[in-house]
Amino acid sequence: MARQNPWTLVPAAEYEAFMGAAGTDETGPLATLFARVYLARRPRRLAVLGVATGNGLEHVRVRETGRTVGVDVNLSYLAVTRQRHMRLGPSLQLVCGDLEKVELDEDGFDLVHAALVLEYVDVRVAVPRIARWLAPGGALSVVLHLPGPGLSPSAWPHPAVQALAGAMRLVPPEELRALCAAAGLAERRAFVVPLPTGRRLFAALYERPLSNGAGGEPGPG
């Protein structure tokens, strides 16, 4: 019998409390990072992996982005996302599924954003799959936790959140970089984001070359 993904057991309200000011205080910084890469790339087709309750989607412009796909394993999170971002209308497609198994369109996206989700999957499986979803010239935007101080899920009072600690594995940036290179994605930028809580995030952009081999540099982001 397959083990249940612990993320499916965390209520939306508890997830948002953990990520908010009383917890890790990462909601704001993550929305800012998404806005930065979104406005730099201005994708026509966007995929957000681990979309959760839709943090950051307020920055999506329907006139520029005709298709947005949000993927998450927790169906209740997707219900919240749909309710909060009704303005996106039919341009927003929500998919409940595991990142290692969900099927998205090959060559189907100009930007794929994955923030704090690769820590909960097998990156050796996930990265090659994501690379196939990128259109020529498309980019993968990643945010990872770095080792260091900060609130761990194991210290949170809700037992469902505590269970996440056992499922989490920090992904070293050099491992991600090697996997992306093997999948044909070139690193275009990478930087560390220090948070007031003492935690640090690693943010990076990996681009699939154009068909003619001339990968274009993105704008500032």
C-alpha atoms as a PDB file:
ATOM      1  CA  MET A   1       0.000   0.000   0.000  1.00  0.00           C
ATOM      2  CA  ALA A   2       1.422   3.373  -1.037  1.00  0.00           C
ATOM      3  CA  ARG A   3       2.277   5.780   1.774  1.00  0.00           C
ATOM      4  CA  GLN A   4       0.010   8.833   1.919  1.00  0.00           C
ATOM      5  CA  ASN A   5       1.676  12.113   1.070  1.00  0.00           C
ATOM      6  CA  PRO A   6       1.778  14.112   4.340  1.00  0.00           C
ATOM      7  CA  TRP A   7       0.915  17.305   2.476  1.00  0.00           C
ATOM      8  CA  THR A   8      -2.565  15.933   1.798  1.00  0.00           C
ATOM      9  CA  LEU A   9      -3.214  15.921   5.567  1.00  0.00           C
ATOM     10  CA  VAL A  10      -2.321  19.556   6.317  1.00  0.00           C
ATOM     11  CA  PRO A  11      -5.427  21.807   6.345  1.00  0.00           C
ATOM     12  CA  ALA A  12      -5.203  24.990   4.285  1.00  0.00           C
ATOM     13  CA  ALA A  13      -5.620  27.228   7.328  1.00  0.00           C
ATOM     14  CA  GLU A  14      -2.830  25.429   9.183  1.00  0.00           C
ATOM     15  CA  TYR A  15      -0.539  25.590   6.146  1.00  0.00           C
ATOM     16  CA  GLU A  16      -1.060  29.339   5.845  1.00  0.00           C
ATOM     17  CA  ALA A  17      -0.487  29.853   9.574  1.00  0.00           C
ATOM     18  CA  PHE A  18       2.792  27.928   9.380  1.00  0.00           C
ATOM     19  CA  MET A  19       3.983  29.914   6.357  1.00  0.00           C
ATOM     20  CA  GLY A  20       2.751  33.244   7.758  1.00  0.00           C
ATOM     21  CA  ALA A  21       4.113  35.782  10.221  1.00  0.00           C
ATOM     22  CA  ALA A  22       3.576  33.558  13.259  1.00  0.00           C
ATOM     23  CA  GLY A  23       5.483  30.722  11.586  1.00  0.00           C
ATOM     24  CA  THR A  24       8.238  30.747   8.986  1.00  0.00           C
ATOM     25  CA  ASP A  25       7.158  34.169   7.658  1.00  0.00           C
ATOM     26  CA  GLU A  26       7.879  33.091   4.085  1.00  0.00           C
ATOM     27  CA  THR A  27       4.588  33.961   2.386  1.00  0.00           C
ATOM     28  CA  GLY A  28       5.613  37.528   1.522  1.00  0.00           C
ATOM     29  CA  PRO A  29       9.148  36.754   0.309  1.00  0.00           C
ATOM     30  CA  LEU A  30       7.890  33.884  -1.847  1.00  0.00           C
ATOM     31  CA  ALA A  31       5.259  36.107  -3.476  1.00  0.00           C
ATOM     32  CA  THR A  32       7.942  38.714  -4.158  1.00  0.00           C
ATOM     33  CA  LEU A  33      10.260  36.170  -5.763  1.00  0.00           C
ATOM     34  CA  PHE A  34       7.445  34.906  -7.960  1.00  0.00           C
ATOM     35  CA  ALA A  35       6.482  38.442  -9.005  1.00  0.00           C
ATOM     36  CA  ARG A  36      10.091  39.194  -9.908  1.00  0.00           C
ATOM     37  CA  VAL A  37      10.541  36.243 -12.227  1.00  0.00           C
ATOM     38  CA  TYR A  38       7.027  36.513 -13.659  1.00  0.00           C
ATOM     39  CA  LEU A  39       7.433  40.162 -14.623  1.00  0.00           C
ATOM     40  CA  ALA A  40      10.894  39.481 -16.051  1.00  0.00           C
ATOM     41  CA  ARG A  41       9.756  36.564 -18.218  1.00  0.00           C
ATOM     42  CA  ARG A  42       6.125  37.589 -18.962  1.00  0.00           C
ATOM     43  CA  PRO A  43       5.159  34.027 -19.962  1.00  0.00           C
ATOM     44  CA  ARG A  44       2.263  33.273 -22.264  1.00  0.00           C
ATOM     45  CA  ARG A  45       1.972  29.849 -20.623  1.00  0.00           C
ATOM     46  CA  LEU A  46       2.765  29.396 -16.939  1.00  0.00           C
ATOM     47  CA  ALA A  47       2.913  26.375 -14.625  1.00  0.00           C
ATOM     48  CA  VAL A  48       3.181  26.737 -10.837  1.00  0.00           C
ATOM     49  CA  LEU A  49       4.215  23.527  -9.093  1.00  0.00           C
ATOM     50  CA  GLY A  50       3.153  23.252  -5.475  1.00  0.00           C
ATOM     51  CA  VAL A  51       0.723  26.120  -6.018  1.00  0.00           C
ATOM     52  CA  ALA A  52      -0.850  25.503  -2.581  1.00  0.00           C
ATOM     53  CA  THR A  53      -3.422  28.226  -1.838  1.00  0.00           C
ATOM     54  CA  GLY A  54      -2.296  30.446  -4.697  1.00  0.00           C
ATOM     55  CA  ASN A  55       0.223  32.782  -3.077  1.00  0.00           C
ATOM     56  CA  GLY A  56       1.702  34.982  -5.830  1.00  0.00           C
ATOM     57  CA  LEU A  57      -0.981  34.400  -8.458  1.00  0.00           C
ATOM     58  CA  GLU A  58      -2.261  37.918  -7.802  1.00  0.00           C
ATOM     59  CA  HIS A  59       0.613  39.062 -10.012  1.00  0.00           C
ATOM     60  CA  VAL A  60      -0.510  37.057 -13.066  1.00  0.00           C
ATOM     61  CA  ARG A  61      -1.843  39.208 -15.903  1.00  0.00           C
ATOM     62  CA  VAL A  62      -4.454  37.394 -17.975  1.00  0.00           C
ATOM     63  CA  ARG A  63      -3.829  39.595 -21.017  1.00  0.00           C
ATOM     64  CA  GLU A  64      -0.214  38.402 -21.129  1.00  0.00           C
ATOM     65  CA  THR A  65      -0.583  34.901 -19.705  1.00  0.00           C
ATOM     66  CA  GLY A  66      -3.402  33.093 -21.466  1.00  0.00           C
ATOM     67  CA  ARG A  67      -2.846  29.820 -19.616  1.00  0.00           C
ATOM     68  CA  THR A  68      -1.835  29.212 -16.011  1.00  0.00           C
ATOM     69  CA  VAL A  69      -1.635  25.664 -14.635  1.00  0.00           C
ATOM     70  CA  GLY A  70      -1.372  25.166 -10.881  1.00  0.00           C
ATOM     71  CA  VAL A  71      -0.378  21.743  -9.547  1.00  0.00           C
ATOM     72  CA  ASP A  72      -0.696  20.534  -5.959  1.00  0.00           C
ATOM     73  CA  VAL A  73      -1.300  17.242  -4.136  1.00  0.00           C
ATOM     74  CA  ASN A  74      -3.801  18.796  -1.714  1.00  0.00           C
ATOM     75  CA  LEU A  75      -7.234  19.210  -3.281  1.00  0.00           C
ATOM     76  CA  SER A  76      -8.443  21.577  -0.570  1.00  0.00           C
ATOM     77  CA  TYR A  77      -5.603  23.984  -1.384  1.00  0.00           C
ATOM     78  CA  LEU A  78      -6.732  24.096  -4.992  1.00  0.00           C
ATOM     79  CA  ALA A  79     -10.283  24.931  -3.892  1.00  0.00           C
ATOM     80  CA  VAL A  80      -8.933  27.928  -1.988  1.00  0.00           C
ATOM     81  CA  THR A  81      -6.826  28.962  -4.977  1.00  0.00           C
ATOM     82  CA  ARG A  82      -9.830  28.831  -7.306  1.00  0.00           C
ATOM     83  CA  GLN A  83     -11.939  30.927  -4.948  1.00  0.00           C
ATOM     84  CA  ARG A  84      -9.239  33.543  -4.384  1.00  0.00           C
ATOM     85  CA  HIS A  85      -8.266  33.939  -8.015  1.00  0.00           C
ATOM     86  CA  MET A  86     -11.608  33.847  -9.788  1.00  0.00           C
ATOM     87  CA  ARG A  87     -10.492  36.835 -11.845  1.00  0.00           C
ATOM     88  CA  LEU A  88      -8.228  34.461 -13.801  1.00  0.00           C
ATOM     89  CA  GLY A  89     -11.328  32.643 -15.022  1.00  0.00           C
ATOM     90  CA  PRO A  90     -10.817  29.811 -17.499  1.00  0.00           C
ATOM     91  CA  SER A  91      -7.164  30.751 -18.001  1.00  0.00           C
ATOM     92  CA  LEU A  92      -6.458  29.071 -14.640  1.00  0.00           C
ATOM     93  CA  GLN A  93      -6.331  25.265 -14.736  1.00  0.00           C
ATOM     94  CA  LEU A  94      -5.811  23.454 -11.434  1.00  0.00           C
ATOM     95  CA  VAL A  95      -4.456  19.916 -11.330  1.00  0.00           C
ATOM     96  CA  CYS A  96      -4.405  17.716  -8.229  1.00  0.00           C
ATOM     97  CA  GLY A  97      -1.485  15.349  -8.505  1.00  0.00           C
ATOM     98  CA  ASP A  98       1.985  14.254  -7.483  1.00  0.00           C
ATOM     99  CA  LEU A  99       4.808  16.120  -9.214  1.00  0.00           C
ATOM    100  CA  GLU A 100       6.551  12.841  -9.978  1.00  0.00           C
ATOM    101  CA  LYS A 101       3.482  11.416 -11.734  1.00  0.00           C
ATOM    102  CA  VAL A 102       1.322  14.260 -13.036  1.00  0.00           C
ATOM    103  CA  GLU A 103       1.213  14.633 -16.811  1.00  0.00           C
ATOM    104  CA  LEU A 104       1.634  18.118 -18.265  1.00  0.00           C
ATOM    105  CA  ASP A 105       2.153  19.155 -21.886  1.00  0.00           C
ATOM    106  CA  GLU A 106       5.605  18.625 -23.332  1.00  0.00           C
ATOM    107  CA  ASP A 107       7.030  21.899 -24.676  1.00  0.00           C
ATOM    108  CA  GLY A 108       3.946  23.454 -23.125  1.00  0.00           C
ATOM    109  CA  PHE A 109       5.207  26.235 -20.848  1.00  0.00           C
ATOM    110  CA  ASP A 110       7.300  29.376 -21.110  1.00  0.00           C
ATOM    111  CA  LEU A 111       7.821  29.484 -17.337  1.00  0.00           C
ATOM    112  CA  VAL A 112       7.592  26.780 -14.678  1.00  0.00           C
ATOM    113  CA  HIS A 113       7.828  27.998 -11.096  1.00  0.00           C
ATOM    114  CA  ALA A 114       8.646  25.577  -8.265  1.00  0.00           C
ATOM    115  CA  ALA A 115       9.027  27.176  -4.833  1.00  0.00           C
ATOM    116  CA  LEU A 116       9.778  24.998  -1.772  1.00  0.00           C
ATOM    117  CA  VAL A 117       8.382  21.903  -3.460  1.00  0.00           C
ATOM    118  CA  LEU A 118      11.460  20.042  -4.713  1.00  0.00           C
ATOM    119  CA  GLU A 119      12.376  19.283  -1.092  1.00  0.00           C
ATOM    120  CA  TYR A 120       9.411  16.882  -0.966  1.00  0.00           C
ATOM    121  CA  VAL A 121       9.952  14.925  -4.181  1.00  0.00           C
ATOM    122  CA  ASP A 122      12.703  12.899  -5.805  1.00  0.00           C
ATOM    123  CA  VAL A 123      14.518  15.622  -7.750  1.00  0.00           C
ATOM    124  CA  ARG A 124      16.203  12.983  -9.916  1.00  0.00           C
ATOM    125  CA  VAL A 125      12.732  12.143 -11.228  1.00  0.00           C
ATOM    126  CA  ALA A 126      11.170  15.598 -11.118  1.00  0.00           C
ATOM    127  CA  VAL A 127      13.799  17.730 -12.871  1.00  0.00           C
ATOM    128  CA  PRO A 128      13.929  15.753 -16.150  1.00  0.00           C
ATOM    129  CA  ARG A 129      10.117  15.739 -16.237  1.00  0.00           C
ATOM    130  CA  ILE A 130       9.945  19.500 -15.721  1.00  0.00           C
ATOM    131  CA  ALA A 131      12.567  20.044 -18.426  1.00  0.00           C
ATOM    132  CA  ARG A 132      10.308  18.270 -20.909  1.00  0.00           C
ATOM    133  CA  TRP A 133       7.448  20.613 -20.050  1.00  0.00           C
ATOM    134  CA  LEU A 134       9.454  23.687 -21.006  1.00  0.00           C
ATOM    135  CA  ALA A 135       9.087  25.191 -24.456  1.00  0.00           C
ATOM    136  CA  PRO A 136      12.284  26.181 -26.302  1.00  0.00           C
ATOM    137  CA  GLY A 137      13.507  29.334 -24.594  1.00  0.00           C
ATOM    138  CA  GLY A 138      11.351  28.562 -21.560  1.00  0.00           C
ATOM    139  CA  ALA A 139      12.669  28.675 -18.010  1.00  0.00           C
ATOM    140  CA  LEU A 140      12.404  26.846 -14.722  1.00  0.00           C
ATOM    141  CA  SER A 141      12.340  29.097 -11.656  1.00  0.00           C
ATOM    142  CA  VAL A 142      13.244  27.339  -8.399  1.00  0.00           C
ATOM    143  CA  VAL A 143      13.247  28.368  -4.742  1.00  0.00           C
ATOM    144  CA  LEU A 144      14.892  26.056  -2.196  1.00  0.00           C
ATOM    145  CA  HIS A 145      15.499  26.109   1.528  1.00  0.00           C
ATOM    146  CA  LEU A 146      19.147  26.320   2.550  1.00  0.00           C
ATOM    147  CA  PRO A 147      20.540  24.788   5.755  1.00  0.00           C
ATOM    148  CA  GLY A 148      20.516  27.097   8.740  1.00  0.00           C
ATOM    149  CA  PRO A 149      18.379  28.412  11.575  1.00  0.00           C
ATOM    150  CA  GLY A 150      14.650  28.806  11.256  1.00  0.00           C
ATOM    151  CA  LEU A 151      11.387  27.212  12.276  1.00  0.00           C
ATOM    152  CA  SER A 152      11.181  23.503  11.427  1.00  0.00           C
ATOM    153  CA  PRO A 153       7.847  21.766  10.773  1.00  0.00           C
ATOM    154  CA  SER A 154       8.683  19.483  13.707  1.00  0.00           C
ATOM    155  CA  ALA A 155       8.451  22.473  16.069  1.00  0.00           C
ATOM    156  CA  TRP A 156       4.967  23.516  14.928  1.00  0.00           C
ATOM    157  CA  PRO A 157       2.113  22.516  17.296  1.00  0.00           C
ATOM    158  CA  HIS A 158      -0.143  20.997  14.637  1.00  0.00           C
ATOM    159  CA  PRO A 159       0.661  17.250  14.208  1.00  0.00           C
ATOM    160  CA  ALA A 160      -0.057  17.268  10.462  1.00  0.00           C
ATOM    161  CA  VAL A 161       2.586  19.957   9.947  1.00  0.00           C
ATOM    162  CA  GLN A 162       5.023  18.108  12.204  1.00  0.00           C
ATOM    163  CA  ALA A 163       4.753  15.078   9.898  1.00  0.00           C
ATOM    164  CA  LEU A 164       6.220  17.147   7.054  1.00  0.00           C
ATOM    165  CA  ALA A 165       9.622  17.146   8.737  1.00  0.00           C
ATOM    166  CA  GLY A 166      10.076  13.452   8.021  1.00  0.00           C
ATOM    167  CA  ALA A 167       9.246  13.921   4.340  1.00  0.00           C
ATOM    168  CA  MET A 168      11.531  16.893   3.736  1.00  0.00           C
ATOM    169  CA  ARG A 169      15.017  16.626   2.235  1.00  0.00           C
ATOM    170  CA  LEU A 170      17.035  19.737   1.572  1.00  0.00           C
ATOM    171  CA  VAL A 171      18.284  19.867  -2.011  1.00  0.00           C
ATOM    172  CA  PRO A 172      21.843  21.240  -2.298  1.00  0.00           C
ATOM    173  CA  PRO A 173      22.038  23.915  -5.033  1.00  0.00           C
ATOM    174  CA  GLU A 174      24.951  22.078  -6.651  1.00  0.00           C
ATOM    175  CA  GLU A 175      22.808  18.942  -6.974  1.00  0.00           C
ATOM    176  CA  LEU A 176      20.013  20.925  -8.583  1.00  0.00           C
ATOM    177  CA  ARG A 177      22.478  22.631 -10.899  1.00  0.00           C
ATOM    178  CA  ALA A 178      23.907  19.283 -12.049  1.00  0.00           C
ATOM    179  CA  LEU A 179      20.472  17.766 -12.632  1.00  0.00           C
ATOM    180  CA  CYS A 180      19.347  20.783 -14.637  1.00  0.00           C
ATOM    181  CA  ALA A 181      22.521  20.689 -16.742  1.00  0.00           C
ATOM    182  CA  ALA A 182      21.980  16.987 -17.445  1.00  0.00           C
ATOM    183  CA  ALA A 183      18.427  17.815 -18.550  1.00  0.00           C
ATOM    184  CA  GLY A 184      19.707  20.481 -20.949  1.00  0.00           C
ATOM    185  CA  LEU A 185      18.876  23.528 -18.822  1.00  0.00           C
ATOM    186  CA  ALA A 186      21.421  26.319 -18.402  1.00  0.00           C
ATOM    187  CA  GLU A 187      21.623  28.335 -15.197  1.00  0.00           C
ATOM    188  CA  ARG A 188      20.934  32.002 -15.955  1.00  0.00           C
ATOM    189  CA  ARG A 189      20.985  33.386 -12.448  1.00  0.00           C
ATOM    190  CA  ALA A 190      21.222  32.203  -8.856  1.00  0.00           C
ATOM    191  CA  PHE A 191      21.228  34.094  -5.571  1.00  0.00           C
ATOM    192  CA  VAL A 192      20.603  33.692  -1.848  1.00  0.00           C
ATOM    193  CA  VAL A 193      17.724  35.433  -0.102  1.00  0.00           C
ATOM    194  CA  PRO A 194      18.286  36.017   3.661  1.00  0.00           C
ATOM    195  CA  LEU A 195      15.071  36.219   5.671  1.00  0.00           C
ATOM    196  CA  PRO A 196      14.509  38.151   8.923  1.00  0.00           C
ATOM    197  CA  THR A 197      13.887  34.853  10.730  1.00  0.00           C
ATOM    198  CA  GLY A 198      17.463  33.737  10.031  1.00  0.00           C
ATOM    199  CA  ARG A 199      16.430  31.260   7.356  1.00  0.00           C
ATOM    200  CA  ARG A 200      17.924  31.552   3.879  1.00  0.00           C
ATOM    201  CA  LEU A 201      16.399  30.730   0.504  1.00  0.00           C
ATOM    202  CA  PHE A 202      18.184  29.846  -2.720  1.00  0.00           C
ATOM    203  CA  ALA A 203      16.536  31.186  -5.886  1.00  0.00           C
ATOM    204  CA  ALA A 204      17.657  30.284  -9.394  1.00  0.00           C
ATOM    205  CA  LEU A 205      16.552  30.309 -13.012  1.00  0.00           C
ATOM    206  CA  TYR A 206      17.362  27.526 -15.490  1.00  0.00           C
ATOM    207  CA  GLU A 207      16.627  28.037 -19.171  1.00  0.00           C
ATOM    208  CA  ARG A 208      16.012  25.646 -22.026  1.00  0.00           C
ATOM    209  CA  PRO A 209      17.923  26.782 -25.139  1.00  0.00           C
ATOM    210  CA  LEU A 210      16.037  27.847 -28.221  1.00  0.00           C
ATOM    211  CA  SER A 211      15.769  25.253 -30.978  1.00  0.00           C
ATOM    212  CA  ASN A 212      18.646  26.856 -32.854  1.00  0.00           C
ATOM    213  CA  GLY A 213      20.844  26.567 -29.760  1.00  0.00           C
ATOM    214  CA  ALA A 214      20.836  30.265 -28.990  1.00  0.00           C
ATOM    215  CA  GLY A 215      19.313  30.594 -25.543  1.00  0.00           C
ATOM    216  CA  GLY A 216      18.251  34.143 -24.861  1.00  0.00           C
ATOM    217  CA  GLU A 217      19.185  35.943 -21.682  1.00  0.00           C
ATOM    218  CA  PRO A 218      16.159  36.908 -19.578  1.00  0.00           C
ATOM    219  CA  GLY A 219      15.637  40.421 -18.357  1.00  0.00           C
ATOM    220  CA  PRO A 220      16.441  41.367 -14.771  1.00  0.00           C
ATOM    221  CA  GLY A 221      14.666  38.997 -12.440  1.00  0.00           C
END
